[in-house]
């Protein structure tokens, strides 16, 4: 990627490379994509909120938007996010399989947790310890994938590809 990648370029790259688990991704590409997603989300929220106010809440637009933003959007972006995290790990000379394992295990464990608790807070009973351990793994895995976005990539080529700053 170019050194002067724009927010638009990063957002487009996220979707165009959505199934590309090879190569490297710079910090700039990741953070600009996150920023673009936040900005788009805020704009859509404001538009839906204004429409909700204009229609007097008759159509429950915020409820529908909340479902799409909170449920459908994460499912749509799971694989592109995993691919980008994999490329980001490659940039710091680590295996991208780590991102895949963390994401897949977190999804499975979240499903198990939902089945055990009904997707609501758990009272302190016999299933609390497994729920706490599952949540701890999911949080630590997510935290790891978040922290790698702050680590500077290897300068020069590595075993995962050319330095994206120099391409």
Foldseek 3Di string as FASTA:
>chain_A
DEPPQALVNLLVCLVVCLQPQFAADFLVSVVSNVVVVVVVVVVVVVVQVVVCVVVVNPVVSVVVVCCCVVPVVCVVRLSSVLSNLSRLCVQQPHGSVLSVVLSVLLVVLVVVLCVVDVPDDDDPDDCVVVNVVSVVSNVVSVVVSVVSSVDGGDQAADPRGGNPHVD
